[in-house]
Structures are given as C-alpha cells and as structure tokens.
Amino acid sequence: MIETHEQWLDRKIAQNDGELVIFDGFDHCIIGITENPEFDVKFVYDFDKVIAGLMSNGMSRDEAVDYFGFNFNIGDSTPTFISLAPPL
C-alpha cells in the first residue's frame, strides 16, 4: 500500500514526538523533511506554494511575500522554505 501525504506527515510527526512545526492550512506545501542528524529535524516547505496559497486569499504577490516574512519566521523552530529549481 502506498502511503498518502497525510499518512507520511502523521508518521514523521509521531517519529519526532510531535515537535515538528506545521503551519495551519499549508500542509499541502510540505515537500519533505530535513534528515541531517547534526541539526533539528524540520519540515521543508515549497516557498512558491506557500506564496500561492496566500495569494489565493486575495493578497498580491508583494503582500504575500511581506506577510510571509512577518508571520512564518518563528525563530529556531522555523521550518525550511525552498524555491524549487526548474527541472534539468
């Protein structure tokens, strides 16, 4: 049986004692998890999907980027956000 995105999220959260940060309404933007043993384990979000989600609520791109800058930075617990490169 293939694991769904939701099942994968639940498993990763359970494996990390529920300490992974998830931003409400942006589960679909999670594309992975950091697995480096020398650093805290964190979810990895697709930055462009987060911005698109904010824009779907009526924000311009500039407003969404500003909102992101003020509301998605929570210090050491902040997840990783990446912009994906175009395929080779």
PDB file of N, CA and C in Angstrom:
ATOM      1  N   MET A   1       0.842  -1.188   0.000  1.00  0.00           N
ATOM      2  CA  MET A   1       0.000   0.000   0.000  1.00  0.00           C
ATOM      3  C   MET A   1       0.883   1.246   0.000  1.00  0.00           C
ATOM      4  N   ILE A   2       0.551   2.191  -0.838  1.00  0.00           N
ATOM      5  CA  ILE A   2       1.312   3.426  -0.933  1.00  0.00           C
ATOM      6  C   ILE A   2       0.835   4.390   0.153  1.00  0.00           C
ATOM      7  N   GLU A   3       1.786   4.992   0.820  1.00  0.00           N
ATOM      8  CA  GLU A   3       1.488   5.941   1.889  1.00  0.00           C
ATOM      9  C   GLU A   3       1.023   7.274   1.295  1.00  0.00           C
ATOM     10  N   THR A   4      -0.064   7.832   1.839  1.00  0.00           N
ATOM     11  CA  THR A   4      -0.535   9.134   1.382  1.00  0.00           C
ATOM     12  C   THR A   4       0.303  10.231   2.022  1.00  0.00           C
ATOM     13  N   HIS A   5       0.163  11.446   1.498  1.00  0.00           N
ATOM     14  CA  HIS A   5       0.877  12.606   2.055  1.00  0.00           C
ATOM     15  C   HIS A   5       0.496  12.787   3.521  1.00  0.00           C
ATOM     16  N   GLU A   6      -0.790  12.677   3.831  1.00  0.00           N
ATOM     17  CA  GLU A   6      -1.263  12.844   5.209  1.00  0.00           C
ATOM     18  C   GLU A   6      -0.693  11.758   6.131  1.00  0.00           C
ATOM     19  N   GLN A   7      -0.662  10.523   5.666  1.00  0.00           N
ATOM     20  CA  GLN A   7      -0.087   9.433   6.469  1.00  0.00           C
ATOM     21  C   GLN A   7       1.404   9.665   6.706  1.00  0.00           C
ATOM     22  N   TRP A   8       2.103  10.131   5.676  1.00  0.00           N
ATOM     23  CA  TRP A   8       3.527  10.424   5.802  1.00  0.00           C
ATOM     24  C   TRP A   8       3.750  11.517   6.841  1.00  0.00           C
ATOM     25  N   LEU A   9       2.940  12.601   6.777  1.00  0.00           N
ATOM     26  CA  LEU A   9       3.052  13.682   7.758  1.00  0.00           C
ATOM     27  C   LEU A   9       2.828  13.158   9.172  1.00  0.00           C
ATOM     28  N   ASP A  10       1.765  12.376   9.351  1.00  0.00           N
ATOM     29  CA  ASP A  10       1.453  11.827  10.678  1.00  0.00           C
ATOM     30  C   ASP A  10       2.592  10.957  11.202  1.00  0.00           C
ATOM     31  N   ARG A  11       3.170  10.143  10.312  1.00  0.00           N
ATOM     32  CA  ARG A  11       4.280   9.269  10.725  1.00  0.00           C
ATOM     33  C   ARG A  11       5.496  10.082  11.138  1.00  0.00           C
ATOM     34  N   LYS A  12       5.844  11.105  10.353  1.00  0.00           N
ATOM     35  CA  LYS A  12       7.004  11.935  10.680  1.00  0.00           C
ATOM     36  C   LYS A  12       6.786  12.689  11.991  1.00  0.00           C
ATOM     37  N   ILE A  13       5.582  13.187  12.205  1.00  0.00           N
ATOM     38  CA  ILE A  13       5.279  13.882  13.459  1.00  0.00           C
ATOM     39  C   ILE A  13       5.422  12.930  14.633  1.00  0.00           C
ATOM     40  N   ALA A  14       4.892  11.717  14.506  1.00  0.00           N
ATOM     41  CA  ALA A  14       4.992  10.725  15.584  1.00  0.00           C
ATOM     42  C   ALA A  14       6.448  10.339  15.851  1.00  0.00           C
ATOM     43  N   GLN A  15       7.236  10.191  14.797  1.00  0.00           N
ATOM     44  CA  GLN A  15       8.649   9.828  14.951  1.00  0.00           C
ATOM     45  C   GLN A  15       9.449  10.914  15.661  1.00  0.00           C
ATOM     46  N   ASN A  16       8.956  12.133  15.617  1.00  0.00           N
ATOM     47  CA  ASN A  16       9.677  13.266  16.201  1.00  0.00           C
ATOM     48  C   ASN A  16       8.933  13.853  17.393  1.00  0.00           C
ATOM     49  N   ASP A  17       8.188  12.995  18.086  1.00  0.00           N
ATOM     50  CA  ASP A  17       7.493  13.361  19.328  1.00  0.00           C
ATOM     51  C   ASP A  17       6.605  14.590  19.171  1.00  0.00           C
ATOM     52  N   GLY A  18       6.028  14.789  18.000  1.00  0.00           N
ATOM     53  CA  GLY A  18       5.107  15.888  17.767  1.00  0.00           C
ATOM     54  C   GLY A  18       5.735  17.268  17.786  1.00  0.00           C
ATOM     55  N   GLU A  19       7.064  17.339  17.666  1.00  0.00           N
ATOM     56  CA  GLU A  19       7.749  18.622  17.791  1.00  0.00           C
ATOM     57  C   GLU A  19       8.010  19.335  16.469  1.00  0.00           C
ATOM     58  N   LEU A  20       7.550  18.784  15.371  1.00  0.00           N
ATOM     59  CA  LEU A  20       7.726  19.438  14.077  1.00  0.00           C
ATOM     60  C   LEU A  20       6.675  20.535  13.912  1.00  0.00           C
ATOM     61  N   VAL A  21       7.084  21.680  13.390  1.00  0.00           N
ATOM     62  CA  VAL A  21       6.178  22.806  13.206  1.00  0.00           C
ATOM     63  C   VAL A  21       5.415  22.635  11.899  1.00  0.00           C
ATOM     64  N   ILE A  22       4.087  22.776  11.998  1.00  0.00           N
ATOM     65  CA  ILE A  22       3.228  22.763  10.816  1.00  0.00           C
ATOM     66  C   ILE A  22       2.414  24.044  10.843  1.00  0.00           C
ATOM     67  N   PHE A  23       2.408  24.766   9.733  1.00  0.00           N
ATOM     68  CA  PHE A  23       1.587  25.967   9.621  1.00  0.00           C
ATOM     69  C   PHE A  23       0.199  25.558   9.137  1.00  0.00           C
ATOM     70  N   ASP A  24      -0.827  25.886   9.923  1.00  0.00           N
ATOM     71  CA  ASP A  24      -2.206  25.523   9.591  1.00  0.00           C
ATOM     72  C   ASP A  24      -2.583  25.977   8.184  1.00  0.00           C
ATOM     73  N   GLY A  25      -3.192  25.072   7.439  1.00  0.00           N
ATOM     74  CA  GLY A  25      -3.647  25.382   6.096  1.00  0.00           C
ATOM     75  C   GLY A  25      -2.590  25.263   5.021  1.00  0.00           C
ATOM     76  N   PHE A  26      -1.375  24.869   5.411  1.00  0.00           N
ATOM     77  CA  PHE A  26      -0.287  24.788   4.438  1.00  0.00           C
ATOM     78  C   PHE A  26       0.352  23.395   4.383  1.00  0.00           C
ATOM     79  N   ASP A  27      -0.373  22.376   4.859  1.00  0.00           N
ATOM     80  CA  ASP A  27       0.145  21.004   4.808  1.00  0.00           C
ATOM     81  C   ASP A  27       0.526  20.604   3.384  1.00  0.00           C
ATOM     82  N   HIS A  28      -0.268  21.052   2.414  1.00  0.00           N
ATOM     83  CA  HIS A  28      -0.030  20.686   1.014  1.00  0.00           C
ATOM     84  C   HIS A  28       1.263  21.293   0.466  1.00  0.00           C
ATOM     85  N   CYS A  29       1.848  22.230   1.198  1.00  0.00           N
ATOM     86  CA  CYS A  29       3.095  22.873   0.771  1.00  0.00           C
ATOM     87  C   CYS A  29       4.335  22.157   1.294  1.00  0.00           C
ATOM     88  N   ILE A  30       4.137  21.159   2.173  1.00  0.00           N
ATOM     89  CA  ILE A  30       5.275  20.412   2.718  1.00  0.00           C
ATOM     90  C   ILE A  30       5.742  19.419   1.660  1.00  0.00           C
ATOM     91  N   ILE A  31       7.022  19.516   1.313  1.00  0.00           N
ATOM     92  CA  ILE A  31       7.562  18.653   0.256  1.00  0.00           C
ATOM     93  C   ILE A  31       8.631  17.701   0.770  1.00  0.00           C
ATOM     94  N   GLY A  32       8.973  17.805   2.042  1.00  0.00           N
ATOM     95  CA  GLY A  32       9.991  16.913   2.580  1.00  0.00           C
ATOM     96  C   GLY A  32      10.300  17.237   4.022  1.00  0.00           C
ATOM     97  N   ILE A  33      11.393  16.663   4.470  1.00  0.00           N
ATOM     98  CA  ILE A  33      11.841  16.840   5.849  1.00  0.00           C
ATOM     99  C   ILE A  33      13.365  16.828   5.856  1.00  0.00           C
ATOM    100  N   THR A  34      13.962  17.642   6.718  1.00  0.00           N
ATOM    101  CA  THR A  34      15.418  17.594   6.848  1.00  0.00           C
ATOM    102  C   THR A  34      15.775  16.335   7.620  1.00  0.00           C
ATOM    103  N   GLU A  35      16.832  15.676   7.244  1.00  0.00           N
ATOM    104  CA  GLU A  35      17.229  14.428   7.890  1.00  0.00           C
ATOM    105  C   GLU A  35      18.663  14.474   8.393  1.00  0.00           C
ATOM    106  N   ASN A  36      19.218  15.667   8.537  1.00  0.00           N
ATOM    107  CA  ASN A  36      20.595  15.819   8.981  1.00  0.00           C
ATOM    108  C   ASN A  36      20.672  15.589  10.490  1.00  0.00           C
ATOM    109  N   PRO A  37      21.414  14.581  10.954  1.00  0.00           N
ATOM    110  CA  PRO A  37      21.463  14.282  12.389  1.00  0.00           C
ATOM    111  C   PRO A  37      22.136  15.357  13.232  1.00  0.00           C
ATOM    112  N   GLU A  38      22.855  16.275  12.600  1.00  0.00           N
ATOM    113  CA  GLU A  38      23.538  17.325  13.354  1.00  0.00           C
ATOM    114  C   GLU A  38      22.641  18.537  13.608  1.00  0.00           C
ATOM    115  N   PHE A  39      21.460  18.575  13.000  1.00  0.00           N
ATOM    116  CA  PHE A  39      20.559  19.713  13.135  1.00  0.00           C
ATOM    117  C   PHE A  39      19.182  19.225  13.543  1.00  0.00           C
ATOM    118  N   ASP A  40      18.337  20.160  13.979  1.00  0.00           N
ATOM    119  CA  ASP A  40      16.957  19.822  14.292  1.00  0.00           C
ATOM    120  C   ASP A  40      16.254  19.325  13.040  1.00  0.00           C
ATOM    121  N   VAL A  41      15.401  18.333  13.219  1.00  0.00           N
ATOM    122  CA  VAL A  41      14.581  17.845  12.121  1.00  0.00           C
ATOM    123  C   VAL A  41      13.466  18.862  11.890  1.00  0.00           C
ATOM    124  N   LYS A  42      13.270  19.255  10.631  1.00  0.00           N
ATOM    125  CA  LYS A  42      12.252  20.251  10.287  1.00  0.00           C
ATOM    126  C   LYS A  42      11.574  19.862   8.990  1.00  0.00           C
ATOM    127  N   PHE A  43      10.298  20.232   8.883  1.00  0.00           N
ATOM    128  CA  PHE A  43       9.622  20.072   7.607  1.00  0.00           C
ATOM    129  C   PHE A  43      10.204  21.061   6.606  1.00  0.00           C
ATOM    130  N   VAL A  44      10.171  20.690   5.336  1.00  0.00           N
ATOM    131  CA  VAL A  44      10.614  21.548   4.242  1.00  0.00           C
ATOM    132  C   VAL A  44       9.379  21.925   3.438  1.00  0.00           C
ATOM    133  N   TYR A  45       9.173  23.228   3.307  1.00  0.00           N
ATOM    134  CA  TYR A  45       8.026  23.764   2.577  1.00  0.00           C
ATOM    135  C   TYR A  45       8.469  24.308   1.225  1.00  0.00           C
ATOM    136  N   ASP A  46       7.574  24.183   0.234  1.00  0.00           N
ATOM    137  CA  ASP A  46       7.768  24.791  -1.073  1.00  0.00           C
ATOM    138  C   ASP A  46       7.345  26.255  -0.945  1.00  0.00           C
ATOM    139  N   PHE A  47       8.308  27.164  -0.965  1.00  0.00           N
ATOM    140  CA  PHE A  47       8.059  28.592  -0.788  1.00  0.00           C
ATOM    141  C   PHE A  47       7.011  29.105  -1.771  1.00  0.00           C
ATOM    142  N   ASP A  48       7.133  28.719  -3.043  1.00  0.00           N
ATOM    143  CA  ASP A  48       6.217  29.233  -4.064  1.00  0.00           C
ATOM    144  C   ASP A  48       4.785  28.770  -3.823  1.00  0.00           C
ATOM    145  N   LYS A  49       4.607  27.546  -3.305  1.00  0.00           N
ATOM    146  CA  LYS A  49       3.261  27.075  -2.967  1.00  0.00           C
ATOM    147  C   LYS A  49       2.688  27.861  -1.784  1.00  0.00           C
ATOM    148  N   VAL A  50       3.527  28.190  -0.816  1.00  0.00           N
ATOM    149  CA  VAL A  50       3.070  28.998   0.321  1.00  0.00           C
ATOM    150  C   VAL A  50       2.600  30.357  -0.172  1.00  0.00           C
ATOM    151  N   ILE A  51       3.404  31.000  -1.012  1.00  0.00           N
ATOM    152  CA  ILE A  51       3.046  32.313  -1.545  1.00  0.00           C
ATOM    153  C   ILE A  51       1.765  32.219  -2.373  1.00  0.00           C
ATOM    154  N   ALA A  52       1.636  31.182  -3.190  1.00  0.00           N
ATOM    155  CA  ALA A  52       0.420  30.990  -3.988  1.00  0.00           C
ATOM    156  C   ALA A  52      -0.795  30.810  -3.079  1.00  0.00           C
ATOM    157  N   GLY A  53      -0.622  30.090  -1.969  1.00  0.00           N
ATOM    158  CA  GLY A  53      -1.716  29.916  -1.019  1.00  0.00           C
ATOM    159  C   GLY A  53      -2.147  31.230  -0.405  1.00  0.00           C
ATOM    160  N   LEU A  54      -1.196  32.060  -0.064  1.00  0.00           N
ATOM    161  CA  LEU A  54      -1.519  33.383   0.483  1.00  0.00           C
ATOM    162  C   LEU A  54      -2.210  34.245  -0.566  1.00  0.00           C
ATOM    163  N   MET A  55      -1.745  34.165  -1.793  1.00  0.00           N
ATOM    164  CA  MET A  55      -2.341  34.949  -2.868  1.00  0.00           C
ATOM    165  C   MET A  55      -3.771  34.489  -3.168  1.00  0.00           C
ATOM    166  N   SER A  56      -4.057  33.208  -2.945  1.00  0.00           N
ATOM    167  CA  SER A  56      -5.413  32.709  -3.184  1.00  0.00           C
ATOM    168  C   SER A  56      -6.413  33.304  -2.195  1.00  0.00           C
ATOM    169  N   ASN A  57      -5.902  33.917  -1.136  1.00  0.00           N
ATOM    170  CA  ASN A  57      -6.759  34.595  -0.162  1.00  0.00           C
ATOM    171  C   ASN A  57      -6.881  36.081  -0.464  1.00  0.00           C
ATOM    172  N   GLY A  58      -6.476  36.503  -1.675  1.00  0.00           N
ATOM    173  CA  GLY A  58      -6.682  37.873  -2.110  1.00  0.00           C
ATOM    174  C   GLY A  58      -5.484  38.794  -1.989  1.00  0.00           C
ATOM    175  N   MET A  59      -4.344  38.280  -1.562  1.00  0.00           N
ATOM    176  CA  MET A  59      -3.145  39.121  -1.452  1.00  0.00           C
ATOM    177  C   MET A  59      -2.447  39.219  -2.805  1.00  0.00           C
ATOM    178  N   SER A  60      -1.792  40.355  -3.048  1.00  0.00           N
ATOM    179  CA  SER A  60      -0.908  40.455  -4.202  1.00  0.00           C
ATOM    180  C   SER A  60       0.362  39.660  -3.869  1.00  0.00           C
ATOM    181  N   ARG A  61       1.212  39.428  -4.856  1.00  0.00           N
ATOM    182  CA  ARG A  61       2.461  38.710  -4.585  1.00  0.00           C
ATOM    183  C   ARG A  61       3.317  39.465  -3.564  1.00  0.00           C
ATOM    184  N   ASP A  62       3.423  40.788  -3.718  1.00  0.00           N
ATOM    185  CA  ASP A  62       4.211  41.588  -2.770  1.00  0.00           C
ATOM    186  C   ASP A  62       3.638  41.500  -1.357  1.00  0.00           C
ATOM    187  N   GLU A  63       2.314  41.577  -1.241  1.00  0.00           N
ATOM    188  CA  GLU A  63       1.681  41.457   0.079  1.00  0.00           C
ATOM    189  C   GLU A  63       1.929  40.084   0.677  1.00  0.00           C
ATOM    190  N   ALA A  64       1.842  39.043  -0.151  1.00  0.00           N
ATOM    191  CA  ALA A  64       2.055  37.677   0.326  1.00  0.00           C
ATOM    192  C   ALA A  64       3.491  37.483   0.813  1.00  0.00           C
ATOM    193  N   VAL A  65       4.452  38.023   0.077  1.00  0.00           N
ATOM    194  CA  VAL A  65       5.857  37.904   0.477  1.00  0.00           C
ATOM    195  C   VAL A  65       6.093  38.673   1.776  1.00  0.00           C
ATOM    196  N   ASP A  66       5.509  39.854   1.911  1.00  0.00           N
ATOM    197  CA  ASP A  66       5.630  40.612   3.161  1.00  0.00           C
ATOM    198  C   ASP A  66       5.000  39.858   4.323  1.00  0.00           C
ATOM    199  N   TYR A  67       3.801  39.333   4.100  1.00  0.00           N
ATOM    200  CA  TYR A  67       3.104  38.568   5.144  1.00  0.00           C
ATOM    201  C   TYR A  67       3.938  37.367   5.566  1.00  0.00           C
ATOM    202  N   PHE A  68       4.483  36.677   4.574  1.00  0.00           N
ATOM    203  CA  PHE A  68       5.343  35.525   4.844  1.00  0.00           C
ATOM    204  C   PHE A  68       6.513  35.934   5.736  1.00  0.00           C
ATOM    205  N   GLY A  69       7.171  37.028   5.387  1.00  0.00           N
ATOM    206  CA  GLY A  69       8.339  37.483   6.139  1.00  0.00           C
ATOM    207  C   GLY A  69       8.040  37.784   7.593  1.00  0.00           C
ATOM    208  N   PHE A  70       6.848  38.281   7.862  1.00  0.00           N
ATOM    209  CA  PHE A  70       6.485  38.644   9.236  1.00  0.00           C
ATOM    210  C   PHE A  70       5.866  37.497  10.026  1.00  0.00           C
ATOM    211  N   ASN A  71       5.212  36.557   9.354  1.00  0.00           N
ATOM    212  CA  ASN A  71       4.409  35.570  10.060  1.00  0.00           C
ATOM    213  C   ASN A  71       4.930  34.133  10.010  1.00  0.00           C
ATOM    214  N   PHE A  72       5.889  33.853   9.171  1.00  0.00           N
ATOM    215  CA  PHE A  72       6.377  32.482   9.063  1.00  0.00           C
ATOM    216  C   PHE A  72       7.764  32.314   9.675  1.00  0.00           C
ATOM    217  N   ASN A  73       8.299  33.349  10.289  1.00  0.00           N
ATOM    218  CA  ASN A  73       9.593  33.259  10.962  1.00  0.00           C
ATOM    219  C   ASN A  73       9.329  33.158  12.456  1.00  0.00           C
ATOM    220  N   ILE A  74       9.571  31.969  13.008  1.00  0.00           N
ATOM    221  CA  ILE A  74       9.295  31.753  14.432  1.00  0.00           C
ATOM    222  C   ILE A  74      10.566  31.367  15.189  1.00  0.00           C
ATOM    223  N   GLY A  75      11.679  31.896  14.736  1.00  0.00           N
ATOM    224  CA  GLY A  75      12.935  31.645  15.436  1.00  0.00           C
ATOM    225  C   GLY A  75      13.548  30.303  15.089  1.00  0.00           C
ATOM    226  N   ASP A  76      14.169  29.673  16.069  1.00  0.00           N
ATOM    227  CA  ASP A  76      14.891  28.418  15.840  1.00  0.00           C
ATOM    228  C   ASP A  76      13.999  27.290  15.343  1.00  0.00           C
ATOM    229  N   SER A  77      12.703  27.378  15.621  1.00  0.00           N
ATOM    230  CA  SER A  77      11.778  26.321  15.202  1.00  0.00           C
ATOM    231  C   SER A  77      11.256  26.503  13.787  1.00  0.00           C
ATOM    232  N   THR A  78      11.639  27.590  13.120  1.00  0.00           N
ATOM    233  CA  THR A  78      11.131  27.867  11.776  1.00  0.00           C
ATOM    234  C   THR A  78      11.501  26.726  10.833  1.00  0.00           C
ATOM    235  N   PRO A  79      10.501  26.182  10.122  1.00  0.00           N
ATOM    236  CA  PRO A  79      10.812  25.156   9.126  1.00  0.00           C
ATOM    237  C   PRO A  79      11.676  25.726   8.010  1.00  0.00           C
ATOM    238  N   THR A  80      12.135  24.860   7.136  1.00  0.00           N
ATOM    239  CA  THR A  80      12.924  25.264   5.978  1.00  0.00           C
ATOM    240  C   THR A  80      11.981  25.551   4.821  1.00  0.00           C
ATOM    241  N   PHE A  81      12.245  26.632   4.107  1.00  0.00           N
ATOM    242  CA  PHE A  81      11.465  27.003   2.916  1.00  0.00           C
ATOM    243  C   PHE A  81      12.425  27.058   1.747  1.00  0.00           C
ATOM    244  N   ILE A  82      12.041  26.408   0.643  1.00  0.00           N
ATOM    245  CA  ILE A  82      12.888  26.416  -0.542  1.00  0.00           C
ATOM    246  C   ILE A  82      12.084  26.786  -1.778  1.00  0.00           C
ATOM    247  N   SER A  83      12.773  27.335  -2.745  1.00  0.00           N
ATOM    248  CA  SER A  83      12.205  27.551  -4.075  1.00  0.00           C
ATOM    249  C   SER A  83      12.817  26.475  -4.967  1.00  0.00           C
ATOM    250  N   LEU A  84      11.970  25.752  -5.637  1.00  0.00           N
ATOM    251  CA  LEU A  84      12.444  24.649  -6.475  1.00  0.00           C
ATOM    252  C   LEU A  84      13.033  25.180  -7.778  1.00  0.00           C
ATOM    253  N   ALA A  85      14.131  24.609  -8.185  1.00  0.00           N
ATOM    254  CA  ALA A  85      14.746  24.942  -9.472  1.00  0.00           C
ATOM    255  C   ALA A  85      13.955  24.254 -10.584  1.00  0.00           C
ATOM    256  N   PRO A  86      13.946  24.835 -11.764  1.00  0.00           N
ATOM    257  CA  PRO A  86      13.298  24.148 -12.896  1.00  0.00           C
ATOM    258  C   PRO A  86      13.983  22.810 -13.155  1.00  0.00           C
ATOM    259  N   PRO A  87      13.232  21.843 -13.656  1.00  0.00           N
ATOM    260  CA  PRO A  87      13.841  20.535 -13.961  1.00  0.00           C
ATOM    261  C   PRO A  87      14.961  20.667 -14.984  1.00  0.00           C
ATOM    262  N   LEU A  88      15.938  19.791 -14.887  1.00  0.00           N
ATOM    263  CA  LEU A  88      17.049  19.788 -15.849  1.00  0.00           C
ATOM    264  C   LEU A  88      16.600  19.291 -17.198  1.00  0.00           C
TER     265      LEU A  88
END
